[in-house]
Amino acid sequence: MGAGGRMSVPPSQRKSESGSLKRVPISKPPFTLGEIKKAIPPHCFQRSLFRSFSYLIYDFILISLFYYVATTYIHYLPQPLSFVAWAVYWAVQGCVMTGVWVIAHECGHHAFSNYQWVDDTVGLILHSSLLVPYFSWKYSHRRHHSNTGSLERDEVFVPRKRSSIKWWAKYLNNPPGRFMTVTVQLTLGWPLYLMFNVAGRPYDGFACHYNPYGPIYNDRERLQIYVSDVGILAVTYGLYRLVLAKGLAWVVCVYGVPLLIVNAFLVMITYLQHTHPALPHYDSSEWDWLRGALATIDRDYGILNKVFHNITDTHIAHHLFSTMPHYHAMEATKAIKPILGEYYSFDGTPFYKAVFREAKECIFVEPDEGEQSSKGVFWFRNKL
């Protein structure tokens, strides 16, 4: 089937390998992006500088409150209560800081305000404070949105074909191996992606988010990559001075561990948005932008949906209209569901179960056997 063709898929083929969700249709959608947009109330596309800052200030208030309580009272607690208190602090602070990360991500999409300079200034400060190179990731992430679902051009969590699976993969395809793989992915995945493009799109040459002259960026973007690097160096120097003043243990407990929680949630959220047996990937013979944007899935993180500013359960709407502010995304998602129909995907499996399930079921991709008309459509498999 060509990118503009239609294909009738038997019901048995529409079931994902997990049996929990039907496969996303791979035929050309019977609607256009313009028709989807018309279904959304116009005010959903309006960005409010005041409202955007209100969410950021609210997050800062919570962060300050948690910081004050932790640094003022935890040292009065006897062991092991103090250890428990620190663990609670790390969890709640890491979650709220993830919300700040999401707001910075919105700045990169020009969804924070109507002023690009405001978005870039706020985004640079917020992402730098979380050791993220703002402009560097902004540009690579923009290309992810432009090429979602493409096996050749997508930027992150690009699945491997069977032929690319390493020989040792079969030894990790068991519960202990998957636990180790997920642990490494959640703890080291984000810095490895930024530094070495691990799990990213293959490039000719050394692809690194800190390298202005790397293959990820073009000449117009290189100066801003330097700005991102300066932001990271400034925050790193500030942390160094803080270590000298407060001690390494204090910085690790107050800032370091919550940052690890942020990185883990960032990787998990992105991974689960684009990894599911029901989601297709396309090669260049089949891919088009709309079907690629629809090859994503909304998830349910419970109360964390609100903490994360609904980036988790409105991801499809975000991919369709990335400049829409997060506080309108839920309303927009409800509006587009009737239009999308079976092209809309949602999985309510708890995220702590889903991440291990997908690690088990989504090892590589390959086309369905016997489907001569869909050799450019790839589905997740786990039988090595």
Protein backbone atom coordinates (compact mmCIF):
# COMPACT_ATOMS: atom_id res chain seq x y z
CA MET A 1 0.00 0.00 0.00
CA GLY A 2 1.27 3.48 -0.87
CA ALA A 3 1.11 6.33 1.57
CA GLY A 4 -2.16 7.49 0.13
CA GLY A 5 -3.85 4.09 -0.24
CA ARG A 6 -6.33 2.20 1.86
CA MET A 7 -6.14 -1.27 3.23
CA SER A 8 -8.75 -3.42 4.87
CA VAL A 9 -7.30 -4.97 8.00
CA PRO A 10 -8.91 -8.16 9.35
CA PRO A 11 -10.02 -7.96 13.00
CA SER A 12 -7.41 -10.51 14.00
CA GLN A 13 -4.73 -8.25 12.55
CA ARG A 14 -6.08 -5.21 14.40
CA LYS A 15 -5.26 -6.67 17.80
CA SER A 16 -1.93 -5.78 19.33
CA GLU A 17 0.32 -8.53 20.61
CA SER A 18 -0.64 -7.62 24.17
CA GLY A 19 -4.29 -8.18 23.31
CA SER A 20 -5.21 -5.04 25.24
CA LEU A 21 -5.53 -2.50 22.45
CA LYS A 22 -6.39 -2.54 18.77
CA ARG A 23 -3.70 -1.58 16.35
CA VAL A 24 -3.74 1.97 15.06
CA PRO A 25 -5.15 1.93 11.49
CA ILE A 26 -2.45 2.34 8.88
CA SER A 27 -4.66 3.50 6.02
CA LYS A 28 -4.84 7.17 5.13
CA PRO A 29 -7.13 8.88 7.69
CA PRO A 30 -10.58 9.91 6.39
CA PHE A 31 -10.00 13.39 7.84
CA THR A 32 -7.46 16.16 7.42
CA LEU A 33 -5.47 18.14 9.95
CA GLY A 34 -7.68 21.13 9.14
CA GLU A 35 -10.82 19.16 9.96
CA ILE A 36 -9.31 18.10 13.29
CA LYS A 37 -8.47 21.72 14.07
CA LYS A 38 -12.01 22.86 13.31
CA ALA A 39 -13.32 20.46 15.96
CA ILE A 40 -11.28 22.23 18.65
CA PRO A 41 -12.69 25.38 20.27
CA PRO A 42 -10.68 28.36 18.99
CA HIS A 43 -9.74 29.54 22.48
CA CYS A 44 -7.70 26.36 22.97
CA PHE A 45 -5.06 27.79 20.66
CA GLN A 46 -4.74 31.02 22.63
CA ARG A 47 -1.63 31.39 24.78
CA SER A 48 -1.83 33.46 27.96
CA LEU A 49 1.40 34.82 29.39
CA PHE A 50 -0.28 35.37 32.76
CA ARG A 51 -1.78 31.88 32.92
CA SER A 52 1.43 30.19 31.80
CA PHE A 53 3.41 32.02 34.47
CA SER A 54 0.78 31.11 37.06
CA TYR A 55 1.50 27.40 36.57
CA LEU A 56 5.23 28.04 36.78
CA ILE A 57 4.90 30.11 39.95
CA TYR A 58 2.69 27.42 41.50
CA ASP A 59 5.39 24.82 40.78
CA PHE A 60 8.06 27.10 42.26
CA ILE A 61 5.99 27.56 45.42
CA LEU A 62 5.75 23.79 45.87
CA ILE A 63 9.45 23.32 45.19
CA SER A 64 10.33 26.03 47.71
CA LEU A 65 7.98 24.54 50.29
CA PHE A 66 9.40 21.05 49.91
CA TYR A 67 12.93 22.44 50.05
CA TYR A 68 12.18 24.40 53.22
CA VAL A 69 10.61 21.46 55.01
CA ALA A 70 13.39 19.07 54.01
CA THR A 71 16.30 21.31 54.96
CA THR A 72 14.67 22.61 58.13
CA TYR A 73 13.13 19.56 59.74
CA ILE A 74 14.48 16.27 58.35
CA HIS A 75 17.74 16.48 60.31
CA TYR A 76 15.70 16.50 63.54
CA LEU A 77 14.23 13.09 62.76
CA PRO A 78 15.84 9.95 64.18
CA GLN A 79 17.02 7.22 61.87
CA PRO A 80 15.48 5.44 60.03
CA LEU A 81 12.68 8.05 59.86
CA SER A 82 15.09 10.58 58.36
CA PHE A 83 15.87 8.17 55.51
CA VAL A 84 12.17 7.72 54.84
CA ALA A 85 11.64 11.49 54.94
CA TRP A 86 14.42 12.07 52.40
CA ALA A 87 12.93 9.42 50.11
CA VAL A 88 9.55 11.15 50.27
CA TYR A 89 11.20 14.50 49.55
CA TRP A 90 13.06 13.08 46.54
CA ALA A 91 9.86 11.61 45.12
CA VAL A 92 7.62 14.67 45.50
CA GLN A 93 10.31 17.18 44.57
CA GLY A 94 11.31 15.15 41.53
CA CYS A 95 7.70 15.01 40.35
CA VAL A 96 7.13 18.76 40.69
CA MET A 97 10.48 19.48 39.00
CA THR A 98 9.31 17.28 36.14
CA GLY A 99 6.37 19.66 35.80
CA VAL A 100 8.86 22.53 35.49
CA TRP A 101 10.66 20.52 32.82
CA VAL A 102 7.37 20.22 30.93
CA ILE A 103 6.83 24.00 31.05
CA ALA A 104 10.33 24.52 29.64
CA HIS A 105 9.44 22.01 26.94
CA GLU A 106 6.39 24.16 26.13
CA CYS A 107 8.67 27.17 25.77
CA GLY A 108 10.62 25.24 23.13
CA HIS A 109 7.36 24.73 21.21
CA HIS A 110 6.42 28.43 21.51
CA ALA A 111 3.39 27.36 23.57
CA PHE A 112 4.20 29.44 26.67
CA SER A 113 3.34 32.91 25.33
CA ASN A 114 2.86 34.93 22.17
CA TYR A 115 6.40 36.25 22.44
CA GLN A 116 9.21 34.08 21.14
CA TRP A 117 11.85 35.95 23.14
CA VAL A 118 9.91 35.35 26.36
CA ASP A 119 9.55 31.65 25.59
CA ASP A 120 13.24 31.25 24.79
CA THR A 121 14.37 33.24 27.82
CA VAL A 122 12.15 31.31 30.23
CA GLY A 123 12.94 28.00 28.56
CA LEU A 124 16.69 28.64 28.65
CA ILE A 125 16.62 29.46 32.37
CA LEU A 126 14.38 26.54 33.32
CA HIS A 127 16.08 23.87 31.21
CA SER A 128 19.57 25.06 32.13
CA SER A 129 18.64 24.78 35.80
CA LEU A 130 17.78 21.13 35.09
CA LEU A 131 21.04 20.62 33.14
CA VAL A 132 19.24 20.45 29.79
CA PRO A 133 20.76 22.31 26.80
CA TYR A 134 17.65 24.28 25.88
CA PHE A 135 18.21 25.29 22.26
CA SER A 136 20.05 22.06 21.45
CA TRP A 137 17.13 19.93 22.54
CA LYS A 138 14.58 22.38 21.17
CA TYR A 139 15.87 21.87 17.65
CA SER A 140 16.29 18.09 17.81
CA HIS A 141 12.88 17.77 19.45
CA ARG A 142 11.31 19.91 16.74
CA ARG A 143 12.65 17.43 14.18
CA HIS A 144 11.14 14.61 16.20
CA HIS A 145 7.75 16.30 15.83
CA SER A 146 8.35 16.75 12.11
CA ASN A 147 9.23 13.08 11.59
CA THR A 148 7.33 11.11 14.23
CA GLY A 149 6.97 7.44 13.36
CA SER A 150 9.58 7.51 10.60
CA LEU A 151 12.18 4.77 10.85
CA GLU A 152 14.66 6.86 8.87
CA ARG A 153 14.15 10.39 10.21
CA ASP A 154 12.59 10.31 13.67
CA GLU A 155 14.95 11.62 16.35
CA VAL A 156 14.38 9.55 19.48
CA PHE A 157 13.34 6.05 20.53
CA VAL A 158 13.75 4.90 16.96
CA PRO A 159 13.03 1.15 17.16
CA ARG A 160 15.47 -1.36 15.74
CA LYS A 161 14.72 -3.78 12.98
CA ARG A 162 15.30 -7.46 13.64
CA SER A 163 18.53 -7.37 11.63
CA SER A 164 19.92 -4.66 13.93
CA ILE A 165 19.39 -6.58 17.16
CA LYS A 166 22.68 -7.41 18.88
CA TRP A 167 23.64 -10.96 19.72
CA TRP A 168 23.35 -10.38 23.45
CA ALA A 169 19.70 -9.24 23.29
CA LYS A 170 18.41 -12.78 23.77
CA TYR A 171 20.23 -13.00 27.11
CA LEU A 172 18.41 -9.89 28.35
CA ASN A 173 14.97 -11.09 27.21
CA ASN A 174 13.98 -12.34 30.66
CA PRO A 175 12.70 -10.68 33.86
CA PRO A 176 16.16 -9.96 35.40
CA GLY A 177 17.48 -8.74 32.06
CA ARG A 178 14.50 -6.48 31.46
CA PHE A 179 14.77 -5.06 34.98
CA MET A 180 18.42 -4.23 34.37
CA THR A 181 17.66 -2.75 30.95
CA VAL A 182 14.84 -0.54 32.25
CA THR A 183 16.94 0.57 35.23
CA VAL A 184 19.83 1.64 33.01
CA GLN A 185 17.42 3.32 30.61
CA LEU A 186 15.73 5.36 33.35
CA THR A 187 18.93 6.36 35.16
CA LEU A 188 21.43 6.87 32.32
CA GLY A 189 19.22 7.08 29.23
CA TRP A 190 18.76 10.86 29.19
CA PRO A 191 22.43 11.91 29.62
CA LEU A 192 23.51 9.18 27.19
CA TYR A 193 21.07 10.51 24.60
CA LEU A 194 22.26 14.09 25.03
CA MET A 195 25.94 13.18 24.94
CA PHE A 196 26.09 10.24 22.54
CA ASN A 197 22.67 10.14 20.80
CA VAL A 198 21.91 6.72 22.31
CA ALA A 199 18.47 5.52 21.10
CA GLY A 200 18.42 8.40 18.63
CA ARG A 201 18.47 8.64 14.87
CA PRO A 202 21.70 7.49 13.19
CA TYR A 203 23.83 10.36 11.89
CA ASP A 204 26.99 10.55 9.85
CA GLY A 205 29.56 11.70 12.36
CA PHE A 206 29.47 12.21 16.11
CA ALA A 207 26.00 13.38 17.14
CA CYS A 208 26.03 15.24 20.45
CA HIS A 209 23.63 17.87 21.78
CA TYR A 210 26.54 19.88 23.19
CA ASN A 211 28.44 20.08 19.91
CA PRO A 212 27.44 23.12 17.81
CA TYR A 213 29.19 21.63 14.77
CA GLY A 214 27.67 18.16 15.09
CA PRO A 215 25.45 16.71 12.36
CA ILE A 216 22.25 17.40 14.32
CA TYR A 217 22.40 21.16 13.68
CA ASN A 218 22.63 23.46 10.69
CA ASP A 219 24.59 26.69 10.37
CA ARG A 220 21.69 28.90 11.47
CA GLU A 221 21.37 27.00 14.76
CA ARG A 222 25.00 26.76 15.84
CA LEU A 223 25.21 30.06 17.73
CA GLN A 224 22.25 29.11 19.91
CA ILE A 225 23.88 25.76 20.69
CA TYR A 226 26.76 27.77 22.15
CA VAL A 227 24.21 29.69 24.24
CA SER A 228 22.80 26.39 25.52
CA ASP A 229 26.29 25.23 26.46
CA VAL A 230 26.97 28.48 28.32
CA GLY A 231 23.73 27.96 30.27
CA ILE A 232 24.82 24.46 31.28
CA LEU A 233 28.30 25.66 32.26
CA ALA A 234 26.84 28.48 34.36
CA VAL A 235 24.57 26.14 36.31
CA THR A 236 27.38 23.59 36.69
CA TYR A 237 29.63 26.29 38.12
CA GLY A 238 26.85 27.35 40.48
CA LEU A 239 26.51 23.77 41.68
CA TYR A 240 30.27 23.58 42.18
CA ARG A 241 30.16 26.69 44.37
CA LEU A 242 27.22 25.22 46.24
CA VAL A 243 29.19 22.04 46.91
CA LEU A 244 32.04 24.11 48.34
CA ALA A 245 29.60 25.98 50.58
CA LYS A 246 27.22 23.21 51.64
CA GLY A 247 29.02 19.97 50.89
CA LEU A 248 28.52 17.32 48.21
CA ALA A 249 26.05 15.26 50.28
CA TRP A 250 23.79 18.28 50.78
CA VAL A 251 23.72 19.09 47.05
CA VAL A 252 23.08 15.47 46.12
CA CYS A 253 20.23 15.14 48.59
CA VAL A 254 18.57 18.49 47.87
CA TYR A 255 19.13 18.71 44.10
CA GLY A 256 20.89 15.66 42.66
CA VAL A 257 18.47 12.88 43.51
CA PRO A 258 15.34 14.86 42.53
CA LEU A 259 17.06 15.59 39.21
CA LEU A 260 17.54 11.85 38.70
CA ILE A 261 13.80 11.44 39.28
CA VAL A 262 13.12 14.11 36.65
CA ASN A 263 15.38 12.36 34.14
CA ALA A 264 13.76 9.00 34.84
CA PHE A 265 10.25 10.35 34.33
CA LEU A 266 11.29 12.19 31.18
CA VAL A 267 12.65 8.99 29.64
CA MET A 268 9.70 6.89 30.80
CA ILE A 269 7.08 9.36 29.58
CA THR A 270 8.67 9.68 26.14
CA TYR A 271 9.30 5.95 25.85
CA LEU A 272 5.72 5.01 26.72
CA GLN A 273 4.26 7.66 24.41
CA HIS A 274 5.97 6.09 21.40
CA THR A 275 6.33 2.44 22.35
CA HIS A 276 3.36 0.08 22.29
CA PRO A 277 2.52 -3.07 20.29
CA ALA A 278 -0.46 -1.20 18.80
CA LEU A 279 1.67 1.57 17.30
CA PRO A 280 3.12 1.33 13.78
CA HIS A 281 6.34 2.76 12.42
CA TYR A 282 6.83 3.56 8.76
CA ASP A 283 9.68 3.53 6.30
CA SER A 284 10.01 6.17 3.59
CA SER A 285 7.67 4.30 1.23
CA GLU A 286 4.73 4.64 3.64
CA TRP A 287 5.38 7.51 6.04
CA ASP A 288 3.45 10.75 6.02
CA TRP A 289 3.25 13.40 8.71
CA LEU A 290 -0.35 12.89 9.86
CA ARG A 291 -0.15 9.13 10.19
CA GLY A 292 3.16 9.53 12.00
CA ALA A 293 1.68 12.02 14.46
CA LEU A 294 -1.19 9.60 15.11
CA ALA A 295 1.25 6.74 15.77
CA THR A 296 1.54 7.87 19.39
CA ILE A 297 -0.49 7.01 22.47
CA ASP A 298 -1.95 8.77 25.50
CA ARG A 299 -1.24 7.24 28.90
CA ASP A 300 -2.69 7.57 32.39
CA TYR A 301 -0.35 8.49 35.26
CA GLY A 302 -3.11 9.07 37.79
CA ILE A 303 -2.64 12.18 39.91
CA LEU A 304 0.70 12.75 38.18
CA ASN A 305 -1.15 13.74 35.02
CA LYS A 306 -1.87 17.09 36.67
CA VAL A 307 1.58 17.36 38.24
CA PHE A 308 3.09 16.82 34.79
CA HIS A 309 0.71 19.37 33.24
CA ASN A 310 -1.07 16.65 31.26
CA ILE A 311 1.81 15.93 28.93
CA THR A 312 1.08 12.27 29.63
CA ASP A 313 -2.60 11.99 28.71
CA THR A 314 -2.81 14.59 25.91
CA HIS A 315 0.19 13.58 23.85
CA ILE A 316 -1.69 12.96 20.61
CA ALA A 317 -3.19 16.43 20.67
CA HIS A 318 0.27 17.81 21.45
CA HIS A 319 1.75 16.11 18.40
CA LEU A 320 -1.00 17.45 16.18
CA PHE A 321 -0.82 21.01 17.56
CA SER A 322 2.43 21.50 19.45
CA THR A 323 1.98 25.27 19.99
CA MET A 324 -1.19 24.69 22.02
CA PRO A 325 -0.62 25.43 25.74
CA HIS A 326 -0.96 22.53 28.13
CA TYR A 327 -3.89 24.05 30.02
CA HIS A 328 -6.09 23.69 26.94
CA ALA A 329 -4.87 20.23 25.91
CA MET A 330 -7.47 18.23 27.85
CA GLU A 331 -10.34 20.15 26.30
CA ALA A 332 -8.78 19.75 22.87
CA THR A 333 -8.29 16.02 23.38
CA LYS A 334 -11.96 15.55 24.25
CA ALA A 335 -12.91 17.55 21.17
CA ILE A 336 -10.82 15.55 18.71
CA LYS A 337 -11.67 12.05 19.95
CA PRO A 338 -14.91 11.80 17.91
CA ILE A 339 -13.04 12.93 14.80
CA LEU A 340 -10.09 10.59 15.28
CA GLY A 341 -12.23 7.59 16.17
CA GLU A 342 -10.11 4.44 16.04
CA TYR A 343 -7.06 6.55 15.14
CA TYR A 344 -7.03 7.73 18.76
CA SER A 345 -5.10 5.48 21.14
CA PHE A 346 -5.20 5.40 24.92
CA ASP A 347 -3.79 2.85 27.34
CA GLY A 348 -4.73 3.14 31.01
CA THR A 349 -2.23 0.53 32.21
CA PRO A 350 -0.37 1.92 35.25
CA PHE A 351 2.95 3.32 34.03
CA TYR A 352 5.02 1.21 36.43
CA LYS A 353 3.54 -1.91 34.83
CA ALA A 354 3.48 -0.60 31.28
CA VAL A 355 7.19 0.19 31.18
CA PHE A 356 8.11 -3.43 31.90
CA ARG A 357 5.39 -4.80 29.64
CA GLU A 358 6.60 -2.74 26.69
CA ALA A 359 10.20 -3.68 27.45
CA LYS A 360 9.07 -7.29 27.08
CA GLU A 361 6.85 -6.95 24.00
CA CYS A 362 8.57 -4.19 22.01
CA ILE A 363 12.09 -5.40 21.23
CA PHE A 364 12.27 -4.79 17.48
CA VAL A 365 10.02 -3.98 14.52
CA GLU A 366 9.27 -5.77 11.27
CA PRO A 367 6.42 -5.85 8.73
CA ASP A 368 3.58 -8.34 9.05
CA GLU A 369 4.20 -11.55 7.12
CA GLY A 370 2.04 -12.10 4.07
CA GLU A 371 1.01 -8.45 3.86
CA GLN A 372 2.60 -7.62 0.52
CA SER A 373 0.82 -4.26 0.42
CA SER A 374 2.21 -3.05 3.74
CA LYS A 375 5.91 -3.90 3.68
CA GLY A 376 6.67 -0.32 4.62
CA VAL A 377 4.67 -0.60 7.86
CA PHE A 378 6.55 -2.03 10.81
CA TRP A 379 5.13 -3.43 14.06
CA PHE A 380 6.77 -4.27 17.34
CA ARG A 381 7.78 -7.88 17.94
CA ASN A 382 9.46 -9.77 20.77
CA LYS A 383 10.20 -13.21 19.34
CA LEU A 384 13.97 -13.25 18.82
